[in-house]
Amino acid sequence: MDSVSIGETEGGKIGHRIYLPASFIGGPRDMKHRYIDAMALVQKYGKPDLFLTMTCNTMWKEIQENLKYKEQAQDRPDLVSRVFRAKLKMLKSEITKKQIFGPVIACVYVIEFQK
């Protein structure tokens, strides 16, 4: 029965609680599992030696060159994400494969989106 049509006002009586599985990316259980995995690396290898912050610049030429006339970067989140991901992949390669900061024993990274 529809809770609105019967005038139900108490949230506890409406519907059923839904638990998102850990396989739901970005859900509370997934985030908890990721945190536990990262802390396991800290427990095994010790505290991190390097902490980097990489930000996306919407004025990067790879983004600006692919915008159509009168289009802005905010109109193309797909393009901005694709360019950022490519640059992140390149940075990770420099750090892990080319070892520009020295040998890498473990690596963890987080991507945050902001408006």
PDB file of N, CA and C in Angstrom:
ATOM      1  N   MET A   1       0.844  -1.179   0.000  1.00  0.00           N
ATOM      2  CA  MET A   1       0.000   0.000   0.000  1.00  0.00           C
ATOM      3  C   MET A   1       0.887   1.239   0.000  1.00  0.00           C
ATOM      4  N   ASP A   2       0.491   2.228  -0.695  1.00  0.00           N
ATOM      5  CA  ASP A   2       1.254   3.463  -0.805  1.00  0.00           C
ATOM      6  C   ASP A   2       1.170   4.247   0.503  1.00  0.00           C
ATOM      7  N   SER A   3       2.336   4.547   1.094  1.00  0.00           N
ATOM      8  CA  SER A   3       2.368   5.239   2.388  1.00  0.00           C
ATOM      9  C   SER A   3       1.799   6.649   2.304  1.00  0.00           C
ATOM     10  N   VAL A   4       1.898   7.266   1.139  1.00  0.00           N
ATOM     11  CA  VAL A   4       1.359   8.620   0.984  1.00  0.00           C
ATOM     12  C   VAL A   4      -0.169   8.597   1.024  1.00  0.00           C
ATOM     13  N   SER A   5      -0.770   7.628   0.337  1.00  0.00           N
ATOM     14  CA  SER A   5      -2.236   7.588   0.267  1.00  0.00           C
ATOM     15  C   SER A   5      -2.875   7.252   1.607  1.00  0.00           C
ATOM     16  N   ILE A   6      -2.148   6.541   2.484  1.00  0.00           N
ATOM     17  CA  ILE A   6      -2.729   6.226   3.793  1.00  0.00           C
ATOM     18  C   ILE A   6      -2.328   7.240   4.854  1.00  0.00           C
ATOM     19  N   GLY A   7      -1.542   8.237   4.475  1.00  0.00           N
ATOM     20  CA  GLY A   7      -1.180   9.304   5.400  1.00  0.00           C
ATOM     21  C   GLY A   7      -0.125   8.911   6.421  1.00  0.00           C
ATOM     22  N   GLU A   8       0.704   7.958   6.097  1.00  0.00           N
ATOM     23  CA  GLU A   8       1.763   7.510   7.017  1.00  0.00           C
ATOM     24  C   GLU A   8       2.797   8.616   7.175  1.00  0.00           C
ATOM     25  N   THR A   9       3.096   8.990   8.413  1.00  0.00           N
ATOM     26  CA  THR A   9       4.051  10.069   8.660  1.00  0.00           C
ATOM     27  C   THR A   9       5.299   9.610   9.390  1.00  0.00           C
ATOM     28  N   GLU A  10       5.285   8.422   9.953  1.00  0.00           N
ATOM     29  CA  GLU A  10       6.457   7.924  10.674  1.00  0.00           C
ATOM     30  C   GLU A  10       7.331   7.118   9.719  1.00  0.00           C
ATOM     31  N   GLY A  11       8.578   7.569   9.564  1.00  0.00           N
ATOM     32  CA  GLY A  11       9.488   6.913   8.626  1.00  0.00           C
ATOM     33  C   GLY A  11       9.808   5.477   8.973  1.00  0.00           C
ATOM     34  N   GLY A  12       9.755   5.119  10.254  1.00  0.00           N
ATOM     35  CA  GLY A  12      10.082   3.759  10.680  1.00  0.00           C
ATOM     36  C   GLY A  12       9.104   2.721  10.179  1.00  0.00           C
ATOM     37  N   LYS A  13       7.910   3.146   9.830  1.00  0.00           N
ATOM     38  CA  LYS A  13       6.888   2.201   9.383  1.00  0.00           C
ATOM     39  C   LYS A  13       6.814   2.100   7.862  1.00  0.00           C
ATOM     40  N   ILE A  14       7.578   2.922   7.175  1.00  0.00           N
ATOM     41  CA  ILE A  14       7.508   2.961   5.713  1.00  0.00           C
ATOM     42  C   ILE A  14       8.603   2.088   5.117  1.00  0.00           C
ATOM     43  N   GLY A  15       8.213   1.202   4.222  1.00  0.00           N
ATOM     44  CA  GLY A  15       9.170   0.423   3.446  1.00  0.00           C
ATOM     45  C   GLY A  15      10.061  -0.493   4.254  1.00  0.00           C
ATOM     46  N   HIS A  16      11.106  -0.962   3.607  1.00  0.00           N
ATOM     47  CA  HIS A  16      12.060  -1.874   4.220  1.00  0.00           C
ATOM     48  C   HIS A  16      13.450  -1.279   4.126  1.00  0.00           C
ATOM     49  N   ARG A  17      14.269  -1.608   5.107  1.00  0.00           N
ATOM     50  CA  ARG A  17      15.655  -1.145   5.097  1.00  0.00           C
ATOM     51  C   ARG A  17      16.414  -1.889   3.993  1.00  0.00           C
ATOM     52  N   ILE A  18      17.202  -1.155   3.247  1.00  0.00           N
ATOM     53  CA  ILE A  18      17.988  -1.748   2.165  1.00  0.00           C
ATOM     54  C   ILE A  18      19.462  -1.618   2.514  1.00  0.00           C
ATOM     55  N   TYR A  19      20.184  -2.722   2.459  1.00  0.00           N
ATOM     56  CA  TYR A  19      21.619  -2.727   2.716  1.00  0.00           C
ATOM     57  C   TYR A  19      22.340  -2.890   1.389  1.00  0.00           C
ATOM     58  N   LEU A  20      23.204  -1.936   1.086  1.00  0.00           N
ATOM     59  CA  LEU A  20      23.979  -2.034  -0.146  1.00  0.00           C
ATOM     60  C   LEU A  20      25.151  -2.976   0.083  1.00  0.00           C
ATOM     61  N   PRO A  21      25.393  -3.921  -0.824  1.00  0.00           N
ATOM     62  CA  PRO A  21      26.521  -4.838  -0.655  1.00  0.00           C
ATOM     63  C   PRO A  21      27.853  -4.123  -0.898  1.00  0.00           C
ATOM     64  N   ALA A  22      28.935  -4.748  -0.472  1.00  0.00           N
ATOM     65  CA  ALA A  22      30.270  -4.175  -0.661  1.00  0.00           C
ATOM     66  C   ALA A  22      30.607  -4.047  -2.145  1.00  0.00           C
ATOM     67  N   SER A  23      29.918  -4.798  -2.987  1.00  0.00           N
ATOM     68  CA  SER A  23      30.173  -4.719  -4.429  1.00  0.00           C
ATOM     69  C   SER A  23      29.593  -3.441  -5.048  1.00  0.00           C
ATOM     70  N   PHE A  24      28.779  -2.689  -4.291  1.00  0.00           N
ATOM     71  CA  PHE A  24      28.246  -1.414  -4.772  1.00  0.00           C
ATOM     72  C   PHE A  24      29.325  -0.360  -4.560  1.00  0.00           C
ATOM     73  N   ILE A  25      30.001   0.030  -5.651  1.00  0.00           N
ATOM     74  CA  ILE A  25      31.133   0.944  -5.581  1.00  0.00           C
ATOM     75  C   ILE A  25      30.710   2.287  -4.991  1.00  0.00           C
ATOM     76  N   GLY A  26      31.434   2.718  -3.965  1.00  0.00           N
ATOM     77  CA  GLY A  26      31.155   3.995  -3.326  1.00  0.00           C
ATOM     78  C   GLY A  26      30.182   3.911  -2.170  1.00  0.00           C
ATOM     79  N   GLY A  27      29.597   2.730  -1.962  1.00  0.00           N
ATOM     80  CA  GLY A  27      28.679   2.549  -0.842  1.00  0.00           C
ATOM     81  C   GLY A  27      29.447   2.460   0.473  1.00  0.00           C
ATOM     82  N   PRO A  28      28.733   2.551   1.591  1.00  0.00           N
ATOM     83  CA  PRO A  28      29.398   2.521   2.902  1.00  0.00           C
ATOM     84  C   PRO A  28      30.235   1.266   3.141  1.00  0.00           C
ATOM     85  N   ARG A  29      29.729   0.112   2.745  1.00  0.00           N
ATOM     86  CA  ARG A  29      30.490  -1.132   2.959  1.00  0.00           C
ATOM     87  C   ARG A  29      31.733  -1.177   2.079  1.00  0.00           C
ATOM     88  N   ASP A  30      31.598  -0.731   0.833  1.00  0.00           N
ATOM     89  CA  ASP A  30      32.746  -0.677  -0.071  1.00  0.00           C
ATOM     90  C   ASP A  30      33.817   0.250   0.492  1.00  0.00           C
ATOM     91  N   MET A  31      33.407   1.422   0.957  1.00  0.00           N
ATOM     92  CA  MET A  31      34.369   2.388   1.505  1.00  0.00           C
ATOM     93  C   MET A  31      35.055   1.833   2.749  1.00  0.00           C
ATOM     94  N   LYS A  32      34.316   1.136   3.580  1.00  0.00           N
ATOM     95  CA  LYS A  32      34.903   0.534   4.781  1.00  0.00           C
ATOM     96  C   LYS A  32      35.931  -0.527   4.393  1.00  0.00           C
ATOM     97  N   HIS A  33      35.605  -1.364   3.407  1.00  0.00           N
ATOM     98  CA  HIS A  33      36.550  -2.390   2.943  1.00  0.00           C
ATOM     99  C   HIS A  33      37.823  -1.757   2.381  1.00  0.00           C
ATOM    100  N   ARG A  34      37.659  -0.684   1.622  1.00  0.00           N
ATOM    101  CA  ARG A  34      38.827  -0.001   1.056  1.00  0.00           C
ATOM    102  C   ARG A  34      39.704   0.600   2.154  1.00  0.00           C
ATOM    103  N   TYR A  35      39.075   1.171   3.162  1.00  0.00           N
ATOM    104  CA  TYR A  35      39.820   1.740   4.294  1.00  0.00           C
ATOM    105  C   TYR A  35      40.591   0.641   5.024  1.00  0.00           C
ATOM    106  N   ILE A  36      39.936  -0.477   5.271  1.00  0.00           N
ATOM    107  CA  ILE A  36      40.590  -1.590   5.966  1.00  0.00           C
ATOM    108  C   ILE A  36      41.768  -2.111   5.149  1.00  0.00           C
ATOM    109  N   ASP A  37      41.599  -2.206   3.835  1.00  0.00           N
ATOM    110  CA  ASP A  37      42.698  -2.649   2.967  1.00  0.00           C
ATOM    111  C   ASP A  37      43.884  -1.688   3.046  1.00  0.00           C
ATOM    112  N   ALA A  38      43.609  -0.389   3.027  1.00  0.00           N
ATOM    113  CA  ALA A  38      44.684   0.607   3.106  1.00  0.00           C
ATOM    114  C   ALA A  38      45.391   0.533   4.454  1.00  0.00           C
ATOM    115  N   MET A  39      44.638   0.351   5.524  1.00  0.00           N
ATOM    116  CA  MET A  39      45.240   0.259   6.860  1.00  0.00           C
ATOM    117  C   MET A  39      46.046  -1.026   7.022  1.00  0.00           C
ATOM    118  N   ALA A  40      45.657  -2.086   6.304  1.00  0.00           N
ATOM    119  CA  ALA A  40      46.438  -3.325   6.325  1.00  0.00           C
ATOM    120  C   ALA A  40      47.813  -3.088   5.701  1.00  0.00           C
ATOM    121  N   LEU A  41      47.866  -2.265   4.649  1.00  0.00           N
ATOM    122  CA  LEU A  41      49.155  -1.920   4.040  1.00  0.00           C
ATOM    123  C   LEU A  41      50.015  -1.123   5.014  1.00  0.00           C
ATOM    124  N   VAL A  42      49.396  -0.212   5.745  1.00  0.00           N
ATOM    125  CA  VAL A  42      50.135   0.574   6.741  1.00  0.00           C
ATOM    126  C   VAL A  42      50.665  -0.345   7.831  1.00  0.00           C
ATOM    127  N   GLN A  43      49.839  -1.289   8.254  1.00  0.00           N
ATOM    128  CA  GLN A  43      50.260  -2.225   9.298  1.00  0.00           C
ATOM    129  C   GLN A  43      51.438  -3.082   8.824  1.00  0.00           C
ATOM    130  N   LYS A  44      51.406  -3.490   7.565  1.00  0.00           N
ATOM    131  CA  LYS A  44      52.464  -4.368   7.045  1.00  0.00           C
ATOM    132  C   LYS A  44      53.743  -3.601   6.698  1.00  0.00           C
ATOM    133  N   TYR A  45      53.600  -2.434   6.043  1.00  0.00           N
ATOM    134  CA  TYR A  45      54.770  -1.719   5.526  1.00  0.00           C
ATOM    135  C   TYR A  45      55.137  -0.457   6.300  1.00  0.00           C
ATOM    136  N   GLY A  46      54.304  -0.040   7.219  1.00  0.00           N
ATOM    137  CA  GLY A  46      54.584   1.178   7.971  1.00  0.00           C
ATOM    138  C   GLY A  46      53.896   2.380   7.345  1.00  0.00           C
ATOM    139  N   LYS A  47      54.094   3.526   7.985  1.00  0.00           N
ATOM    140  CA  LYS A  47      53.416   4.743   7.522  1.00  0.00           C
ATOM    141  C   LYS A  47      53.936   5.179   6.152  1.00  0.00           C
ATOM    142  N   PRO A  48      53.118   5.895   5.402  1.00  0.00           N
ATOM    143  CA  PRO A  48      53.523   6.337   4.057  1.00  0.00           C
ATOM    144  C   PRO A  48      54.713   7.295   4.093  1.00  0.00           C
ATOM    145  N   ASP A  49      55.533   7.222   3.051  1.00  0.00           N
ATOM    146  CA  ASP A  49      56.671   8.126   2.906  1.00  0.00           C
ATOM    147  C   ASP A  49      56.359   9.282   1.959  1.00  0.00           C
ATOM    148  N   LEU A  50      55.303   9.143   1.187  1.00  0.00           N
ATOM    149  CA  LEU A  50      54.981  10.149   0.178  1.00  0.00           C
ATOM    150  C   LEU A  50      53.475  10.363   0.131  1.00  0.00           C
ATOM    151  N   PHE A  51      53.068  11.615   0.091  1.00  0.00           N
ATOM    152  CA  PHE A  51      51.657  11.972  -0.049  1.00  0.00           C
ATOM    153  C   PHE A  51      51.570  13.047  -1.121  1.00  0.00           C
ATOM    154  N   LEU A  52      50.854  12.764  -2.192  1.00  0.00           N
ATOM    155  CA  LEU A  52      50.718  13.719  -3.294  1.00  0.00           C
ATOM    156  C   LEU A  52      49.264  14.128  -3.469  1.00  0.00           C
ATOM    157  N   THR A  53      49.066  15.339  -3.925  1.00  0.00           N
ATOM    158  CA  THR A  53      47.743  15.796  -4.330  1.00  0.00           C
ATOM    159  C   THR A  53      47.844  16.237  -5.781  1.00  0.00           C
ATOM    160  N   MET A  54      46.979  15.676  -6.612  1.00  0.00           N
ATOM    161  CA  MET A  54      46.929  16.050  -8.026  1.00  0.00           C
ATOM    162  C   MET A  54      45.559  16.663  -8.278  1.00  0.00           C
ATOM    163  N   THR A  55      45.535  17.831  -8.843  1.00  0.00           N
ATOM    164  CA  THR A  55      44.255  18.469  -9.158  1.00  0.00           C
ATOM    165  C   THR A  55      44.095  18.584 -10.665  1.00  0.00           C
ATOM    166  N   CYS A  56      42.860  18.640 -11.090  1.00  0.00           N
ATOM    167  CA  CYS A  56      42.561  18.775 -12.512  1.00  0.00           C
ATOM    168  C   CYS A  56      42.425  20.253 -12.857  1.00  0.00           C
ATOM    169  N   ASN A  57      43.058  20.651 -13.928  1.00  0.00           N
ATOM    170  CA  ASN A  57      42.968  22.028 -14.400  1.00  0.00           C
ATOM    171  C   ASN A  57      42.162  22.027 -15.696  1.00  0.00           C
ATOM    172  N   THR A  58      41.006  22.650 -15.665  1.00  0.00           N
ATOM    173  CA  THR A  58      40.155  22.657 -16.859  1.00  0.00           C
ATOM    174  C   THR A  58      40.762  23.458 -18.008  1.00  0.00           C
ATOM    175  N   MET A  59      41.846  24.167 -17.743  1.00  0.00           N
ATOM    176  CA  MET A  59      42.528  24.910 -18.803  1.00  0.00           C
ATOM    177  C   MET A  59      43.637  24.084 -19.468  1.00  0.00           C
ATOM    178  N   TRP A  60      43.815  22.821 -19.060  1.00  0.00           N
ATOM    179  CA  TRP A  60      44.795  21.968 -19.726  1.00  0.00           C
ATOM    180  C   TRP A  60      44.496  21.970 -21.221  1.00  0.00           C
ATOM    181  N   LYS A  61      45.548  21.988 -22.029  1.00  0.00           N
ATOM    182  CA  LYS A  61      45.339  22.089 -23.481  1.00  0.00           C
ATOM    183  C   LYS A  61      44.579  20.884 -24.030  1.00  0.00           C
ATOM    184  N   GLU A  62      44.758  19.699 -23.429  1.00  0.00           N
ATOM    185  CA  GLU A  62      44.046  18.504 -23.905  1.00  0.00           C
ATOM    186  C   GLU A  62      42.536  18.663 -23.745  1.00  0.00           C
ATOM    187  N   ILE A  63      42.130  19.410 -22.752  1.00  0.00           N
ATOM    188  CA  ILE A  63      40.703  19.668 -22.556  1.00  0.00           C
ATOM    189  C   ILE A  63      40.246  20.784 -23.485  1.00  0.00           C
ATOM    190  N   GLN A  64      40.962  21.902 -23.478  1.00  0.00           N
ATOM    191  CA  GLN A  64      40.565  23.066 -24.266  1.00  0.00           C
ATOM    192  C   GLN A  64      40.524  22.770 -25.767  1.00  0.00           C
ATOM    193  N   GLU A  65      41.465  21.954 -26.251  1.00  0.00           N
ATOM    194  CA  GLU A  65      41.516  21.638 -27.683  1.00  0.00           C
ATOM    195  C   GLU A  65      40.349  20.771 -28.139  1.00  0.00           C
ATOM    196  N   ASN A  66      39.702  20.080 -27.215  1.00  0.00           N
ATOM    197  CA  ASN A  66      38.613  19.178 -27.579  1.00  0.00           C
ATOM    198  C   ASN A  66      37.226  19.734 -27.283  1.00  0.00           C
ATOM    199  N   LEU A  67      37.164  20.981 -26.871  1.00  0.00           N
ATOM    200  CA  LEU A  67      35.871  21.622 -26.654  1.00  0.00           C
ATOM    201  C   LEU A  67      35.381  22.230 -27.960  1.00  0.00           C
ATOM    202  N   LYS A  68      34.093  22.119 -28.200  1.00  0.00           N
ATOM    203  CA  LYS A  68      33.509  22.729 -29.390  1.00  0.00           C
ATOM    204  C   LYS A  68      33.287  24.218 -29.145  1.00  0.00           C
ATOM    205  N   TYR A  69      32.926  24.922 -30.194  1.00  0.00           N
ATOM    206  CA  TYR A  69      32.685  26.364 -30.120  1.00  0.00           C
ATOM    207  C   TYR A  69      31.643  26.667 -29.044  1.00  0.00           C
ATOM    208  N   LYS A  70      31.943  27.620 -28.174  1.00  0.00           N
ATOM    209  CA  LYS A  70      31.087  28.076 -27.069  1.00  0.00           C
ATOM    210  C   LYS A  70      30.857  27.012 -25.992  1.00  0.00           C
ATOM    211  N   GLU A  71      31.584  25.923 -26.041  1.00  0.00           N
ATOM    212  CA  GLU A  71      31.466  24.893 -25.013  1.00  0.00           C
ATOM    213  C   GLU A  71      32.463  25.186 -23.903  1.00  0.00           C
ATOM    214  N   GLN A  72      32.094  24.893 -22.679  1.00  0.00           N
ATOM    215  CA  GLN A  72      32.995  25.062 -21.547  1.00  0.00           C
ATOM    216  C   GLN A  72      33.281  23.697 -20.946  1.00  0.00           C
ATOM    217  N   ALA A  73      34.366  23.614 -20.193  1.00  0.00           N
ATOM    218  CA  ALA A  73      34.762  22.342 -19.592  1.00  0.00           C
ATOM    219  C   ALA A  73      33.657  21.780 -18.707  1.00  0.00           C
ATOM    220  N   GLN A  74      32.922  22.643 -18.033  1.00  0.00           N
ATOM    221  CA  GLN A  74      31.853  22.170 -17.158  1.00  0.00           C
ATOM    222  C   GLN A  74      30.713  21.517 -17.935  1.00  0.00           C
ATOM    223  N   ASP A  75      30.648  21.767 -19.243  1.00  0.00           N
ATOM    224  CA  ASP A  75      29.644  21.132 -20.094  1.00  0.00           C
ATOM    225  C   ASP A  75      30.065  19.729 -20.512  1.00  0.00           C
ATOM    226  N   ARG A  76      31.338  19.387 -20.304  1.00  0.00           N
ATOM    227  CA  ARG A  76      31.874  18.106 -20.762  1.00  0.00           C
ATOM    228  C   ARG A  76      32.589  17.341 -19.645  1.00  0.00           C
ATOM    229  N   PRO A  77      31.856  16.884 -18.636  1.00  0.00           N
ATOM    230  CA  PRO A  77      32.511  16.131 -17.564  1.00  0.00           C
ATOM    231  C   PRO A  77      33.162  14.846 -18.070  1.00  0.00           C
ATOM    232  N   ASP A  78      32.635  14.298 -19.170  1.00  0.00           N
ATOM    233  CA  ASP A  78      33.235  13.100 -19.751  1.00  0.00           C
ATOM    234  C   ASP A  78      34.647  13.385 -20.249  1.00  0.00           C
ATOM    235  N   LEU A  79      34.823  14.504 -20.912  1.00  0.00           N
ATOM    236  CA  LEU A  79      36.131  14.895 -21.437  1.00  0.00           C
ATOM    237  C   LEU A  79      37.110  15.199 -20.306  1.00  0.00           C
ATOM    238  N   VAL A  80      36.648  15.966 -19.327  1.00  0.00           N
ATOM    239  CA  VAL A  80      37.504  16.332 -18.195  1.00  0.00           C
ATOM    240  C   VAL A  80      37.955  15.075 -17.451  1.00  0.00           C
ATOM    241  N   SER A  81      37.031  14.151 -17.217  1.00  0.00           N
ATOM    242  CA  SER A  81      37.366  12.909 -16.512  1.00  0.00           C
ATOM    243  C   SER A  81      38.358  12.067 -17.303  1.00  0.00           C
ATOM    244  N   ARG A  82      38.156  11.993 -18.612  1.00  0.00           N
ATOM    245  CA  ARG A  82      39.042  11.187 -19.458  1.00  0.00           C
ATOM    246  C   ARG A  82      40.462  11.747 -19.465  1.00  0.00           C
ATOM    247  N   VAL A  83      40.595  13.056 -19.566  1.00  0.00           N
ATOM    248  CA  VAL A  83      41.921  13.686 -19.566  1.00  0.00           C
ATOM    249  C   VAL A  83      42.578  13.524 -18.200  1.00  0.00           C
ATOM    250  N   PHE A  84      41.806  13.745 -17.134  1.00  0.00           N
ATOM    251  CA  PHE A  84      42.353  13.589 -15.785  1.00  0.00           C
ATOM    252  C   PHE A  84      42.837  12.163 -15.566  1.00  0.00           C
ATOM    253  N   ARG A  85      42.025  11.194 -15.986  1.00  0.00           N
ATOM    254  CA  ARG A  85      42.399   9.783 -15.800  1.00  0.00           C
ATOM    255  C   ARG A  85      43.688   9.451 -16.557  1.00  0.00           C
ATOM    256  N   ALA A  86      43.835   9.973 -17.761  1.00  0.00           N
ATOM    257  CA  ALA A  86      45.048   9.728 -18.549  1.00  0.00           C
ATOM    258  C   ALA A  86      46.271  10.316 -17.851  1.00  0.00           C
ATOM    259  N   LYS A  87      46.129  11.523 -17.325  1.00  0.00           N
ATOM    260  CA  LYS A  87      47.254  12.158 -16.632  1.00  0.00           C
ATOM    261  C   LYS A  87      47.566  11.444 -15.318  1.00  0.00           C
ATOM    262  N   LEU A  88      46.535  10.964 -14.629  1.00  0.00           N
ATOM    263  CA  LEU A  88      46.748  10.204 -13.398  1.00  0.00           C
ATOM    264  C   LEU A  88      47.481   8.898 -13.697  1.00  0.00           C
ATOM    265  N   LYS A  89      47.078   8.234 -14.765  1.00  0.00           N
ATOM    266  CA  LYS A  89      47.739   6.988 -15.169  1.00  0.00           C
ATOM    267  C   LYS A  89      49.220   7.241 -15.459  1.00  0.00           C
ATOM    268  N   MET A  90      49.510   8.346 -16.123  1.00  0.00           N
ATOM    269  CA  MET A  90      50.889   8.704 -16.433  1.00  0.00           C
ATOM    270  C   MET A  90      51.675   8.989 -15.146  1.00  0.00           C
ATOM    271  N   LEU A  91      51.064   9.714 -14.208  1.00  0.00           N
ATOM    272  CA  LEU A  91      51.726  10.009 -12.934  1.00  0.00           C
ATOM    273  C   LEU A  91      51.997   8.729 -12.149  1.00  0.00           C
ATOM    274  N   LYS A  92      51.014   7.837 -12.097  1.00  0.00           N
ATOM    275  CA  LYS A  92      51.209   6.566 -11.381  1.00  0.00           C
ATOM    276  C   LYS A  92      52.333   5.759 -12.011  1.00  0.00           C
ATOM    277  N   SER A  93      52.417   5.776 -13.330  1.00  0.00           N
ATOM    278  CA  SER A  93      53.485   5.064 -14.025  1.00  0.00           C
ATOM    279  C   SER A  93      54.852   5.653 -13.687  1.00  0.00           C
ATOM    280  N   GLU A  94      54.928   6.976 -13.658  1.00  0.00           N
ATOM    281  CA  GLU A  94      56.194   7.640 -13.300  1.00  0.00           C
ATOM    282  C   GLU A  94      56.638   7.223 -11.894  1.00  0.00           C
ATOM    283  N   ILE A  95      55.687   7.133 -10.982  1.00  0.00           N
ATOM    284  CA  ILE A  95      56.018   6.821  -9.589  1.00  0.00           C
ATOM    285  C   ILE A  95      56.313   5.338  -9.392  1.00  0.00           C
ATOM    286  N   THR A  96      55.478   4.462  -9.956  1.00  0.00           N
ATOM    287  CA  THR A  96      55.625   3.027  -9.686  1.00  0.00           C
ATOM    288  C   THR A  96      56.579   2.308 -10.639  1.00  0.00           C
ATOM    289  N   LYS A  97      56.489   2.594 -11.929  1.00  0.00           N
ATOM    290  CA  LYS A  97      57.342   1.877 -12.889  1.00  0.00           C
ATOM    291  C   LYS A  97      58.712   2.530 -13.060  1.00  0.00           C
ATOM    292  N   LYS A  98      58.714   3.847 -13.257  1.00  0.00           N
ATOM    293  CA  LYS A  98      59.990   4.556 -13.428  1.00  0.00           C
ATOM    294  C   LYS A  98      60.645   4.874 -12.090  1.00  0.00           C
ATOM    295  N   GLN A  99      59.881   4.763 -11.023  1.00  0.00           N
ATOM    296  CA  GLN A  99      60.369   4.946  -9.651  1.00  0.00           C
ATOM    297  C   GLN A  99      61.129   6.261  -9.466  1.00  0.00           C
ATOM    298  N   ILE A 100      60.497   7.349  -9.887  1.00  0.00           N
ATOM    299  CA  ILE A 100      61.156   8.657  -9.811  1.00  0.00           C
ATOM    300  C   ILE A 100      61.435   9.105  -8.377  1.00  0.00           C
ATOM    301  N   PHE A 101      60.717   8.532  -7.413  1.00  0.00           N
ATOM    302  CA  PHE A 101      60.964   8.852  -6.004  1.00  0.00           C
ATOM    303  C   PHE A 101      61.651   7.702  -5.273  1.00  0.00           C
ATOM    304  N   GLY A 102      62.062   6.682  -6.016  1.00  0.00           N
ATOM    305  CA  GLY A 102      62.681   5.509  -5.409  1.00  0.00           C
ATOM    306  C   GLY A 102      61.749   4.304  -5.500  1.00  0.00           C
ATOM    307  N   PRO A 103      62.191   3.171  -4.943  1.00  0.00           N
ATOM    308  CA  PRO A 103      61.394   1.943  -5.020  1.00  0.00           C
ATOM    309  C   PRO A 103      60.022   2.102  -4.353  1.00  0.00           C
ATOM    310  N   VAL A 104      59.013   1.490  -4.960  1.00  0.00           N
ATOM    311  CA  VAL A 104      57.652   1.542  -4.422  1.00  0.00           C
ATOM    312  C   VAL A 104      57.287   0.160  -3.900  1.00  0.00           C
ATOM    313  N   ILE A 105      56.943   0.098  -2.627  1.00  0.00           N
ATOM    314  CA  ILE A 105      56.563  -1.168  -2.002  1.00  0.00           C
ATOM    315  C   ILE A 105      55.050  -1.356  -2.065  1.00  0.00           C
ATOM    316  N   ALA A 106      54.308  -0.292  -1.850  1.00  0.00           N
ATOM    317  CA  ALA A 106      52.844  -0.337  -1.883  1.00  0.00           C
ATOM    318  C   ALA A 106      52.325   1.021  -2.342  1.00  0.00           C
ATOM    319  N   CYS A 107      51.133   1.006  -2.918  1.00  0.00           N
ATOM    320  CA  CYS A 107      50.563   2.253  -3.442  1.00  0.00           C
ATOM    321  C   CYS A 107      49.056   2.261  -3.211  1.00  0.00           C
ATOM    322  N   VAL A 108      48.551   3.365  -2.718  1.00  0.00           N
ATOM    323  CA  VAL A 108      47.113   3.569  -2.525  1.00  0.00           C
ATOM    324  C   VAL A 108      46.785   4.956  -3.056  1.00  0.00           C
ATOM    325  N   TYR A 109      45.662   5.079  -3.758  1.00  0.00           N
ATOM    326  CA  TYR A 109      45.250   6.413  -4.196  1.00  0.00           C
ATOM    327  C   TYR A 109      43.737   6.558  -4.085  1.00  0.00           C
ATOM    328  N   VAL A 110      43.300   7.786  -3.962  1.00  0.00           N
ATOM    329  CA  VAL A 110      41.884   8.120  -3.832  1.00  0.00           C
ATOM    330  C   VAL A 110      41.580   9.238  -4.817  1.00  0.00           C
ATOM    331  N   ILE A 111      40.447   9.152  -5.476  1.00  0.00           N
ATOM    332  CA  ILE A 111      40.002  10.217  -6.374  1.00  0.00           C
ATOM    333  C   ILE A 111      38.755  10.845  -5.766  1.00  0.00           C
ATOM    334  N   GLU A 112      38.762  12.153  -5.626  1.00  0.00           N
ATOM    335  CA  GLU A 112      37.612  12.885  -5.093  1.00  0.00           C
ATOM    336  C   GLU A 112      37.101  13.843  -6.158  1.00  0.00           C
ATOM    337  N   PHE A 113      35.801  13.908  -6.305  1.00  0.00           N
ATOM    338  CA  PHE A 113      35.181  14.860  -7.224  1.00  0.00           C
ATOM    339  C   PHE A 113      34.545  15.968  -6.402  1.00  0.00           C
ATOM    340  N   GLN A 114      34.756  17.201  -6.827  1.00  0.00           N
ATOM    341  CA  GLN A 114      34.171  18.340  -6.129  1.00  0.00           C
ATOM    342  C   GLN A 114      33.470  19.230  -7.136  1.00  0.00           C
ATOM    343  N   LYS A 115      32.494  19.956  -6.652  1.00  0.00           N
ATOM    344  CA  LYS A 115      31.748  20.860  -7.538  1.00  0.00           C
ATOM    345  C   LYS A 115      32.241  22.259  -7.377  1.00  0.00           C
TER     346      LYS A 115
END
